[in-house]
Amino acid sequence: MKRVLVTGADGSIGRAAVTGLLDAGYAVTGLSLRYAHVCAADRRLVGDARSPVDVAAALDGADAVLHLAAIPHPSLGTPEEVFANNVAATFNVLAQAGQRGIRRAVIASSINAFGVPMNVNPVFPAYYPLDEEVQADIADAYSLSKSVDEQSARMAWRRWGTNVIALRFPLVKTRAELLRFAAVAERDPSTMAREGWAYLDLRDGVRAIVAALESPAAGAHVVGLAADDILIDRPTGELLREHAPAVPLRRPVRGRDSLVDIARARELLGFTPRYSIHDQDQVVSAVTT
């Protein structure tokens, strides 16, 4: 694997991923609808991940694909726009990569793929910690699009033998941005209760992406990610008693323990998060700027 196509290369995760892949020794092709920021990729294309022509051009010379292009929130379009854009882009990228014989792809899924965090109904997860098998209850177009993307990954594996890892990202931001989100969440912890107050430092997000691209795992896999602790600076058990008292807890929690089970990430990717929002001595590295 020498060259990686990164779709959504101008997004916040995309920009960091491009830099991280270059630092890891890969050549990078970036594909984005537009470039509002400096892109470090050695090959940059303006195009739409839904377009067969644009994706075909972007795949020239690529050995692997990192697909990040999406409408990342249901509020950023109509339900029809969000669903149609995300599902069509993922299928187009995976299908074209598969038809070319590309055997490694990583796609961005979401913690919302099981539907509960953004659900308009007063539902809670079936249990904590959340894992990849937690029961789905979907009531919004964005969560549905991510669930379908995971099915598209399985189809790509069965049809073309493309090994696909779908990373279920939680809130992924730089440490400075996470601190701002934490301040808001601490004023009303109930707003993040259904996703278990999960987050991931952007640097760990990039590390997980590189690990997924380099993983020898065959097949299509959904992999949950999160930091080892929660976003809010309070004991996890205390928050659960206040905001999710009826949700079963499958294992004891201590301190600020995470409510996302990342055993699969450890097993398949060899990934362990390094960064915590609560480590006061951390300095945000160049990959996040």
C-alpha atoms as a PDB file:
ATOM      1  CA  MET A   1       0.000   0.000   0.000  1.00  0.00           C
ATOM      2  CA  LYS A   2       1.667   3.178  -1.224  1.00  0.00           C
ATOM      3  CA  ARG A   3      -1.065   5.675  -2.182  1.00  0.00           C
ATOM      4  CA  VAL A   4      -4.307   6.316  -0.295  1.00  0.00           C
ATOM      5  CA  LEU A   5      -7.304   8.181  -1.687  1.00  0.00           C
ATOM      6  CA  VAL A   6      -8.898  10.358   0.998  1.00  0.00           C
ATOM      7  CA  THR A   7     -12.391  11.597   0.191  1.00  0.00           C
ATOM      8  CA  GLY A   8     -13.641  14.532   2.224  1.00  0.00           C
ATOM      9  CA  ALA A   9     -10.029  15.673   2.374  1.00  0.00           C
ATOM     10  CA  ASP A  10     -10.981  19.238   3.350  1.00  0.00           C
ATOM     11  CA  GLY A  11     -13.039  18.200   6.384  1.00  0.00           C
ATOM     12  CA  SER A  12     -11.696  18.450   9.921  1.00  0.00           C
ATOM     13  CA  ILE A  13     -10.908  14.739  10.168  1.00  0.00           C
ATOM     14  CA  GLY A  14      -9.895  14.646   6.506  1.00  0.00           C
ATOM     15  CA  ARG A  15      -7.228  17.334   6.853  1.00  0.00           C
ATOM     16  CA  ALA A  16      -5.740  15.655   9.908  1.00  0.00           C
ATOM     17  CA  ALA A  17      -5.862  12.244   8.222  1.00  0.00           C
ATOM     18  CA  VAL A  18      -4.041  13.535   5.135  1.00  0.00           C
ATOM     19  CA  THR A  19      -1.249  14.894   7.324  1.00  0.00           C
ATOM     20  CA  GLY A  20      -1.117  11.712   9.414  1.00  0.00           C
ATOM     21  CA  LEU A  21      -0.895   9.489   6.345  1.00  0.00           C
ATOM     22  CA  LEU A  22       1.868  11.614   4.843  1.00  0.00           C
ATOM     23  CA  ASP A  23       3.754  11.430   8.147  1.00  0.00           C
ATOM     24  CA  ALA A  24       3.328   7.638   8.051  1.00  0.00           C
ATOM     25  CA  GLY A  25       5.019   7.515   4.655  1.00  0.00           C
ATOM     26  CA  TYR A  26       2.059   7.250   2.288  1.00  0.00           C
ATOM     27  CA  ALA A  27       1.375   9.247  -0.842  1.00  0.00           C
ATOM     28  CA  VAL A  28      -2.087  10.813  -0.628  1.00  0.00           C
ATOM     29  CA  THR A  29      -4.699  11.794  -3.181  1.00  0.00           C
ATOM     30  CA  GLY A  30      -7.260  14.216  -1.764  1.00  0.00           C
ATOM     31  CA  LEU A  31     -10.789  14.530  -3.138  1.00  0.00           C
ATOM     32  CA  SER A  32     -13.118  17.265  -1.926  1.00  0.00           C
ATOM     33  CA  LEU A  33     -16.023  19.316  -3.228  1.00  0.00           C
ATOM     34  CA  ARG A  34     -13.919  22.396  -2.506  1.00  0.00           C
ATOM     35  CA  TYR A  35     -10.807  23.367  -0.568  1.00  0.00           C
ATOM     36  CA  ALA A  36     -11.359  26.072   2.028  1.00  0.00           C
ATOM     37  CA  HIS A  37      -8.119  25.117   3.797  1.00  0.00           C
ATOM     38  CA  VAL A  38      -4.589  24.230   2.794  1.00  0.00           C
ATOM     39  CA  CYS A  39      -4.440  20.565   1.762  1.00  0.00           C
ATOM     40  CA  ALA A  40      -1.126  18.760   2.249  1.00  0.00           C
ATOM     41  CA  ALA A  41      -1.964  15.918  -0.176  1.00  0.00           C
ATOM     42  CA  ASP A  42       0.564  15.566  -2.995  1.00  0.00           C
ATOM     43  CA  ARG A  43      -2.344  15.047  -5.437  1.00  0.00           C
ATOM     44  CA  ARG A  44      -5.469  17.173  -4.981  1.00  0.00           C
ATOM     45  CA  LEU A  45      -8.705  16.920  -6.951  1.00  0.00           C
ATOM     46  CA  VAL A  46     -11.929  18.890  -6.735  1.00  0.00           C
ATOM     47  CA  GLY A  47     -14.861  16.555  -7.203  1.00  0.00           C
ATOM     48  CA  ASP A  48     -17.933  14.832  -5.784  1.00  0.00           C
ATOM     49  CA  ALA A  49     -17.695  11.417  -4.135  1.00  0.00           C
ATOM     50  CA  ARG A  50     -21.094  10.614  -5.683  1.00  0.00           C
ATOM     51  CA  SER A  51     -19.752  11.148  -9.199  1.00  0.00           C
ATOM     52  CA  PRO A  52     -18.456   8.033 -11.007  1.00  0.00           C
ATOM     53  CA  VAL A  53     -16.256  10.244 -13.203  1.00  0.00           C
ATOM     54  CA  ASP A  54     -14.726  12.178 -10.300  1.00  0.00           C
ATOM     55  CA  VAL A  55     -14.076   9.082  -8.203  1.00  0.00           C
ATOM     56  CA  ALA A  56     -12.593   7.185 -11.149  1.00  0.00           C
ATOM     57  CA  ALA A  57     -10.089   9.994 -11.677  1.00  0.00           C
ATOM     58  CA  ALA A  58      -9.273  10.138  -7.976  1.00  0.00           C
ATOM     59  CA  LEU A  59      -8.674   6.387  -7.768  1.00  0.00           C
ATOM     60  CA  ASP A  60      -5.915   6.427 -10.382  1.00  0.00           C
ATOM     61  CA  GLY A  61      -2.834   4.965  -8.724  1.00  0.00           C
ATOM     62  CA  ALA A  62      -4.558   4.368  -5.378  1.00  0.00           C
ATOM     63  CA  ASP A  63      -3.897   1.199  -3.395  1.00  0.00           C
ATOM     64  CA  ALA A  64      -6.391   1.920  -0.608  1.00  0.00           C
ATOM     65  CA  VAL A  65      -9.290   4.245   0.174  1.00  0.00           C
ATOM     66  CA  LEU A  66     -10.231   6.335   3.189  1.00  0.00           C
ATOM     67  CA  HIS A  67     -13.798   7.518   2.639  1.00  0.00           C
ATOM     68  CA  LEU A  68     -14.757  10.447   4.867  1.00  0.00           C
ATOM     69  CA  ALA A  69     -16.931  12.529   2.513  1.00  0.00           C
ATOM     70  CA  ALA A  70     -20.447  12.977   3.937  1.00  0.00           C
ATOM     71  CA  ILE A  71     -23.007  15.427   5.210  1.00  0.00           C
ATOM     72  CA  PRO A  72     -21.997  14.983   8.856  1.00  0.00           C
ATOM     73  CA  HIS A  73     -25.188  15.997  10.672  1.00  0.00           C
ATOM     74  CA  PRO A  74     -28.942  15.761  10.005  1.00  0.00           C
ATOM     75  CA  SER A  75     -29.312  19.523  10.480  1.00  0.00           C
ATOM     76  CA  LEU A  76     -27.097  20.255   7.457  1.00  0.00           C
ATOM     77  CA  GLY A  77     -29.664  19.256   4.847  1.00  0.00           C
ATOM     78  CA  THR A  78     -33.119  17.867   4.371  1.00  0.00           C
ATOM     79  CA  PRO A  79     -33.582  14.219   5.346  1.00  0.00           C
ATOM     80  CA  GLU A  80     -33.664  13.326   1.661  1.00  0.00           C
ATOM     81  CA  GLU A  81     -30.430  15.224   0.962  1.00  0.00           C
ATOM     82  CA  VAL A  82     -28.558  13.779   3.940  1.00  0.00           C
ATOM     83  CA  PHE A  83     -29.542  10.184   3.273  1.00  0.00           C
ATOM     84  CA  ALA A  84     -29.153  10.268  -0.515  1.00  0.00           C
ATOM     85  CA  ASN A  85     -25.788  12.052  -0.408  1.00  0.00           C
ATOM     86  CA  ASN A  86     -24.171   9.847   2.206  1.00  0.00           C
ATOM     87  CA  VAL A  87     -25.389   6.498   0.944  1.00  0.00           C
ATOM     88  CA  ALA A  88     -24.698   7.243  -2.727  1.00  0.00           C
ATOM     89  CA  ALA A  89     -21.186   8.529  -2.030  1.00  0.00           C
ATOM     90  CA  THR A  90     -20.203   5.529   0.081  1.00  0.00           C
ATOM     91  CA  PHE A  91     -21.577   3.015  -2.397  1.00  0.00           C
ATOM     92  CA  ASN A  92     -19.946   4.763  -5.365  1.00  0.00           C
ATOM     93  CA  VAL A  93     -16.520   4.886  -3.720  1.00  0.00           C
ATOM     94  CA  LEU A  94     -16.630   1.275  -2.507  1.00  0.00           C
ATOM     95  CA  ALA A  95     -18.020  -0.070  -5.785  1.00  0.00           C
ATOM     96  CA  GLN A  96     -15.428   1.653  -7.927  1.00  0.00           C
ATOM     97  CA  ALA A  97     -12.611   0.655  -5.599  1.00  0.00           C
ATOM     98  CA  GLY A  98     -13.833  -2.943  -5.631  1.00  0.00           C
ATOM     99  CA  GLN A  99     -14.135  -3.085  -9.393  1.00  0.00           C
ATOM    100  CA  ARG A 100     -10.547  -1.871  -9.678  1.00  0.00           C
ATOM    101  CA  GLY A 101      -9.316  -4.620  -7.392  1.00  0.00           C
ATOM    102  CA  ILE A 102      -8.485  -2.342  -4.450  1.00  0.00           C
ATOM    103  CA  ARG A 103      -8.501  -4.586  -1.416  1.00  0.00           C
ATOM    104  CA  ARG A 104      -8.420  -2.155   1.509  1.00  0.00           C
ATOM    105  CA  ALA A 105     -10.932   0.559   2.407  1.00  0.00           C
ATOM    106  CA  VAL A 106     -11.779   2.418   5.583  1.00  0.00           C
ATOM    107  CA  ILE A 107     -15.038   4.359   5.855  1.00  0.00           C
ATOM    108  CA  ALA A 108     -16.338   6.788   8.444  1.00  0.00           C
ATOM    109  CA  SER A 109     -19.345   5.439  10.279  1.00  0.00           C
ATOM    110  CA  SER A 110     -20.639   7.012  13.476  1.00  0.00           C
ATOM    111  CA  ILE A 111     -21.660   6.259  17.026  1.00  0.00           C
ATOM    112  CA  ASN A 112     -25.077   7.324  15.731  1.00  0.00           C
ATOM    113  CA  ALA A 113     -25.330   4.304  13.425  1.00  0.00           C
ATOM    114  CA  PHE A 114     -27.482   2.517  16.014  1.00  0.00           C
ATOM    115  CA  GLY A 115     -29.860   5.464  16.025  1.00  0.00           C
ATOM    116  CA  VAL A 116     -30.439   6.130  19.700  1.00  0.00           C
ATOM    117  CA  PRO A 117     -28.304   9.259  20.300  1.00  0.00           C
ATOM    118  CA  MET A 118     -30.207  11.366  17.715  1.00  0.00           C
ATOM    119  CA  ASN A 119     -33.569   9.664  18.149  1.00  0.00           C
ATOM    120  CA  VAL A 120     -36.572  12.023  18.404  1.00  0.00           C
ATOM    121  CA  ASN A 121     -38.221   9.556  20.783  1.00  0.00           C
ATOM    122  CA  PRO A 122     -37.372   9.235  24.499  1.00  0.00           C
ATOM    123  CA  VAL A 123     -35.338   6.045  24.060  1.00  0.00           C
ATOM    124  CA  PHE A 124     -32.058   4.976  25.644  1.00  0.00           C
ATOM    125  CA  PRO A 125     -29.453   2.353  24.716  1.00  0.00           C
ATOM    126  CA  ALA A 126     -30.264  -1.244  25.582  1.00  0.00           C
ATOM    127  CA  TYR A 127     -27.136  -1.316  27.756  1.00  0.00           C
ATOM    128  CA  TYR A 128     -23.786   0.296  28.549  1.00  0.00           C
ATOM    129  CA  PRO A 129     -20.978   0.125  27.606  1.00  0.00           C
ATOM    130  CA  LEU A 130     -22.041   0.531  23.992  1.00  0.00           C
ATOM    131  CA  ASP A 131     -20.627  -1.983  21.542  1.00  0.00           C
ATOM    132  CA  GLU A 132     -21.024  -2.738  17.854  1.00  0.00           C
ATOM    133  CA  GLU A 133     -23.925  -5.152  18.480  1.00  0.00           C
ATOM    134  CA  VAL A 134     -26.155  -2.844  20.531  1.00  0.00           C
ATOM    135  CA  GLN A 135     -29.749  -2.892  19.297  1.00  0.00           C
ATOM    136  CA  ALA A 136     -30.655  -0.221  16.760  1.00  0.00           C
ATOM    137  CA  ASP A 137     -33.561   2.214  17.007  1.00  0.00           C
ATOM    138  CA  ILE A 138     -33.252   4.678  14.126  1.00  0.00           C
ATOM    139  CA  ALA A 139     -35.467   7.729  13.579  1.00  0.00           C
ATOM    140  CA  ASP A 140     -33.305  10.178  11.609  1.00  0.00           C
ATOM    141  CA  ALA A 141     -31.810  10.211   8.127  1.00  0.00           C
ATOM    142  CA  TYR A 142     -28.190  10.680   9.194  1.00  0.00           C
ATOM    143  CA  SER A 143     -28.155   7.677  11.538  1.00  0.00           C
ATOM    144  CA  LEU A 144     -29.912   5.620   8.884  1.00  0.00           C
ATOM    145  CA  SER A 145     -27.315   6.618   6.284  1.00  0.00           C
ATOM    146  CA  LYS A 146     -24.501   5.415   8.529  1.00  0.00           C
ATOM    147  CA  SER A 147     -26.243   2.128   9.196  1.00  0.00           C
ATOM    148  CA  VAL A 148     -26.684   1.603   5.452  1.00  0.00           C
ATOM    149  CA  ASP A 149     -23.020   2.533   4.870  1.00  0.00           C
ATOM    150  CA  GLU A 150     -22.049  -0.339   7.153  1.00  0.00           C
ATOM    151  CA  GLN A 151     -24.230  -2.649   5.061  1.00  0.00           C
ATOM    152  CA  SER A 152     -22.561  -1.294   1.908  1.00  0.00           C
ATOM    153  CA  ALA A 153     -19.216  -2.255   3.420  1.00  0.00           C
ATOM    154  CA  ARG A 154     -20.436  -5.826   3.884  1.00  0.00           C
ATOM    155  CA  MET A 155     -21.725  -5.905   0.319  1.00  0.00           C
ATOM    156  CA  ALA A 156     -18.353  -4.664  -1.027  1.00  0.00           C
ATOM    157  CA  TRP A 157     -16.598  -7.485   0.818  1.00  0.00           C
ATOM    158  CA  ARG A 158     -18.989 -10.143  -0.456  1.00  0.00           C
ATOM    159  CA  ARG A 159     -19.098  -8.834  -4.041  1.00  0.00           C
ATOM    160  CA  TRP A 160     -15.522  -7.706  -4.734  1.00  0.00           C
ATOM    161  CA  GLY A 161     -13.497  -9.057  -1.818  1.00  0.00           C
ATOM    162  CA  THR A 162     -12.694  -5.544  -0.590  1.00  0.00           C
ATOM    163  CA  ASN A 163     -11.656  -5.563   3.058  1.00  0.00           C
ATOM    164  CA  VAL A 164     -13.566  -2.719   4.693  1.00  0.00           C
ATOM    165  CA  ILE A 165     -13.395  -1.322   8.209  1.00  0.00           C
ATOM    166  CA  ALA A 166     -16.195   1.056   9.197  1.00  0.00           C
ATOM    167  CA  LEU A 167     -15.027   3.208  12.102  1.00  0.00           C
ATOM    168  CA  ARG A 168     -17.825   4.327  14.415  1.00  0.00           C
ATOM    169  CA  PHE A 169     -16.514   7.740  15.393  1.00  0.00           C
ATOM    170  CA  PRO A 170     -17.955   9.545  18.429  1.00  0.00           C
ATOM    171  CA  LEU A 171     -17.405  13.288  18.844  1.00  0.00           C
ATOM    172  CA  VAL A 172     -13.949  13.790  17.276  1.00  0.00           C
ATOM    173  CA  LYS A 173     -12.293  17.168  17.753  1.00  0.00           C
ATOM    174  CA  THR A 174      -9.035  18.811  18.735  1.00  0.00           C
ATOM    175  CA  ARG A 175      -8.439  19.085  22.461  1.00  0.00           C
ATOM    176  CA  ALA A 176      -9.244  22.802  22.424  1.00  0.00           C
ATOM    177  CA  GLU A 177     -12.552  22.120  20.693  1.00  0.00           C
ATOM    178  CA  LEU A 178     -13.342  19.233  23.036  1.00  0.00           C
ATOM    179  CA  LEU A 179     -12.864  21.491  26.038  1.00  0.00           C
ATOM    180  CA  ARG A 180     -15.518  23.826  24.638  1.00  0.00           C
ATOM    181  CA  PHE A 181     -17.907  20.935  24.050  1.00  0.00           C
ATOM    182  CA  ALA A 182     -17.246  19.672  27.567  1.00  0.00           C
ATOM    183  CA  ALA A 183     -18.113  23.041  29.083  1.00  0.00           C
ATOM    184  CA  VAL A 184     -21.487  22.968  27.331  1.00  0.00           C
ATOM    185  CA  ALA A 185     -22.161  19.326  28.216  1.00  0.00           C
ATOM    186  CA  GLU A 186     -21.341  19.900  31.876  1.00  0.00           C
ATOM    187  CA  ARG A 187     -24.119  22.493  32.091  1.00  0.00           C
ATOM    188  CA  ASP A 188     -26.625  19.879  30.882  1.00  0.00           C
ATOM    189  CA  PRO A 189     -25.178  16.347  30.914  1.00  0.00           C
ATOM    190  CA  SER A 190     -28.450  14.870  29.670  1.00  0.00           C
ATOM    191  CA  THR A 191     -27.676  16.102  26.136  1.00  0.00           C
ATOM    192  CA  MET A 192     -24.947  13.466  25.713  1.00  0.00           C
ATOM    193  CA  ALA A 193     -26.277  10.720  27.960  1.00  0.00           C
ATOM    194  CA  ARG A 194     -27.549   8.524  25.115  1.00  0.00           C
ATOM    195  CA  GLU A 195     -24.080   8.385  23.544  1.00  0.00           C
ATOM    196  CA  GLY A 196     -22.415   7.800  26.893  1.00  0.00           C
ATOM    197  CA  TRP A 197     -20.591  11.154  26.908  1.00  0.00           C
ATOM    198  CA  ALA A 198     -18.181   9.627  24.404  1.00  0.00           C
ATOM    199  CA  TYR A 199     -15.447  11.518  22.576  1.00  0.00           C
ATOM    200  CA  LEU A 200     -12.132  10.952  20.821  1.00  0.00           C
ATOM    201  CA  ASP A 201      -9.160  13.262  20.491  1.00  0.00           C
ATOM    202  CA  LEU A 202      -8.501  14.014  16.819  1.00  0.00           C
ATOM    203  CA  ARG A 203      -4.953  12.690  17.135  1.00  0.00           C
ATOM    204  CA  ASP A 204      -6.330   9.333  18.266  1.00  0.00           C
ATOM    205  CA  GLY A 205      -8.817   9.476  15.416  1.00  0.00           C
ATOM    206  CA  VAL A 206      -5.942   9.713  12.952  1.00  0.00           C
ATOM    207  CA  ARG A 207      -4.076   6.906  14.704  1.00  0.00           C
ATOM    208  CA  ALA A 208      -7.164   4.703  14.415  1.00  0.00           C
ATOM    209  CA  ILE A 209      -7.483   5.495  10.705  1.00  0.00           C
ATOM    210  CA  VAL A 210      -3.873   4.553   9.985  1.00  0.00           C
ATOM    211  CA  ALA A 211      -4.238   1.387  12.069  1.00  0.00           C
ATOM    212  CA  ALA A 212      -7.399   0.430  10.171  1.00  0.00           C
ATOM    213  CA  LEU A 213      -5.749   0.964   6.794  1.00  0.00           C
ATOM    214  CA  GLU A 214      -2.800  -1.167   7.862  1.00  0.00           C
ATOM    215  CA  SER A 215      -4.844  -3.873   9.584  1.00  0.00           C
ATOM    216  CA  PRO A 216      -4.543  -7.341   8.015  1.00  0.00           C
ATOM    217  CA  ALA A 217      -8.136  -8.147   9.039  1.00  0.00           C
ATOM    218  CA  ALA A 218     -10.093  -9.717   6.196  1.00  0.00           C
ATOM    219  CA  GLY A 219     -13.790  -9.067   5.657  1.00  0.00           C
ATOM    220  CA  ALA A 220     -16.060  -6.175   6.592  1.00  0.00           C
ATOM    221  CA  HIS A 221     -15.934  -4.987  10.179  1.00  0.00           C
ATOM    222  CA  VAL A 222     -17.678  -2.303  12.218  1.00  0.00           C
ATOM    223  CA  VAL A 223     -15.341  -0.930  14.875  1.00  0.00           C
ATOM    224  CA  GLY A 224     -16.383   1.350  17.727  1.00  0.00           C
ATOM    225  CA  LEU A 225     -14.007   4.038  18.967  1.00  0.00           C
ATOM    226  CA  ALA A 226     -13.784   6.327  21.989  1.00  0.00           C
ATOM    227  CA  ALA A 227     -11.353   7.698  24.515  1.00  0.00           C
ATOM    228  CA  ASP A 228     -10.798   5.661  27.666  1.00  0.00           C
ATOM    229  CA  ASP A 229     -12.780   8.182  29.691  1.00  0.00           C
ATOM    230  CA  ILE A 230     -15.860  10.380  29.278  1.00  0.00           C
ATOM    231  CA  LEU A 231     -16.026  14.002  28.181  1.00  0.00           C
ATOM    232  CA  ILE A 232     -17.421  15.370  31.442  1.00  0.00           C
ATOM    233  CA  ASP A 233     -15.215  15.704  34.514  1.00  0.00           C
ATOM    234  CA  ARG A 234     -17.510  13.734  36.819  1.00  0.00           C
ATOM    235  CA  PRO A 235     -17.688  10.065  37.852  1.00  0.00           C
ATOM    236  CA  THR A 236     -19.378   7.955  35.197  1.00  0.00           C
ATOM    237  CA  GLY A 237     -21.497   6.052  37.703  1.00  0.00           C
ATOM    238  CA  GLU A 238     -22.819   9.274  39.174  1.00  0.00           C
ATOM    239  CA  LEU A 239     -23.866  10.545  35.747  1.00  0.00           C
ATOM    240  CA  LEU A 240     -25.565   7.246  34.937  1.00  0.00           C
ATOM    241  CA  ARG A 241     -27.571   7.323  38.178  1.00  0.00           C
ATOM    242  CA  GLU A 242     -28.747  10.839  37.349  1.00  0.00           C
ATOM    243  CA  HIS A 243     -29.401  10.591  33.605  1.00  0.00           C
ATOM    244  CA  ALA A 244     -29.745   6.911  32.619  1.00  0.00           C
ATOM    245  CA  PRO A 245     -30.753   5.027  35.785  1.00  0.00           C
ATOM    246  CA  ALA A 246     -32.788   2.380  33.923  1.00  0.00           C
ATOM    247  CA  VAL A 247     -30.070   1.340  31.460  1.00  0.00           C
ATOM    248  CA  PRO A 248     -28.361  -1.949  32.417  1.00  0.00           C
ATOM    249  CA  LEU A 249     -24.624  -1.755  33.010  1.00  0.00           C
ATOM    250  CA  ARG A 250     -22.760  -4.793  31.676  1.00  0.00           C
ATOM    251  CA  ARG A 251     -19.613  -4.178  33.644  1.00  0.00           C
ATOM    252  CA  PRO A 252     -18.680  -2.041  36.645  1.00  0.00           C
ATOM    253  CA  VAL A 253     -17.374   1.477  35.998  1.00  0.00           C
ATOM    254  CA  ARG A 254     -14.925   3.399  38.108  1.00  0.00           C
ATOM    255  CA  GLY A 255     -13.972   7.054  38.009  1.00  0.00           C
ATOM    256  CA  ARG A 256     -14.534   8.558  34.566  1.00  0.00           C
ATOM    257  CA  ASP A 257     -14.543   5.176  32.768  1.00  0.00           C
ATOM    258  CA  SER A 258     -15.708   5.216  29.147  1.00  0.00           C
ATOM    259  CA  LEU A 259     -19.123   3.846  28.217  1.00  0.00           C
ATOM    260  CA  VAL A 260     -17.976   2.590  24.815  1.00  0.00           C
ATOM    261  CA  ASP A 261     -16.494  -0.885  24.539  1.00  0.00           C
ATOM    262  CA  ILE A 262     -13.477  -0.687  22.210  1.00  0.00           C
ATOM    263  CA  ALA A 263     -12.376  -4.313  22.576  1.00  0.00           C
ATOM    264  CA  ARG A 264     -12.811  -4.845  18.840  1.00  0.00           C
ATOM    265  CA  ALA A 265     -10.573  -1.866  18.040  1.00  0.00           C
ATOM    266  CA  ARG A 266      -7.892  -3.281  20.310  1.00  0.00           C
ATOM    267  CA  GLU A 267      -8.196  -6.746  18.761  1.00  0.00           C
ATOM    268  CA  LEU A 268      -8.500  -5.921  15.045  1.00  0.00           C
ATOM    269  CA  LEU A 269      -6.497  -2.695  14.876  1.00  0.00           C
ATOM    270  CA  GLY A 270      -4.161  -2.937  17.818  1.00  0.00           C
ATOM    271  CA  PHE A 271      -5.575   0.472  18.752  1.00  0.00           C
ATOM    272  CA  THR A 272      -5.527   1.946  22.244  1.00  0.00           C
ATOM    273  CA  PRO A 273      -6.377   5.638  22.757  1.00  0.00           C
ATOM    274  CA  ARG A 274      -3.526   7.758  24.070  1.00  0.00           C
ATOM    275  CA  TYR A 275      -5.134  11.116  24.714  1.00  0.00           C
ATOM    276  CA  SER A 276      -7.567  12.337  27.353  1.00  0.00           C
ATOM    277  CA  ILE A 277      -9.237  15.713  27.601  1.00  0.00           C
ATOM    278  CA  HIS A 278      -8.559  15.524  31.320  1.00  0.00           C
ATOM    279  CA  ASP A 279      -4.753  15.366  31.025  1.00  0.00           C
ATOM    280  CA  GLN A 280      -3.812  18.938  31.790  1.00  0.00           C
ATOM    281  CA  ASP A 281      -0.225  18.707  30.553  1.00  0.00           C
ATOM    282  CA  GLN A 282      -1.078  17.815  26.957  1.00  0.00           C
ATOM    283  CA  VAL A 283      -0.073  20.107  24.141  1.00  0.00           C
ATOM    284  CA  VAL A 284      -2.039  19.892  20.897  1.00  0.00           C
ATOM    285  CA  SER A 285       0.321  18.541  18.238  1.00  0.00           C
ATOM    286  CA  ALA A 286       0.777  19.780  14.694  1.00  0.00           C
ATOM    287  CA  VAL A 287      -1.569  17.133  13.310  1.00  0.00           C
ATOM    288  CA  THR A 288      -4.537  18.968  14.832  1.00  0.00           C
ATOM    289  CA  THR A 289      -3.701  22.456  13.615  1.00  0.00           C
END
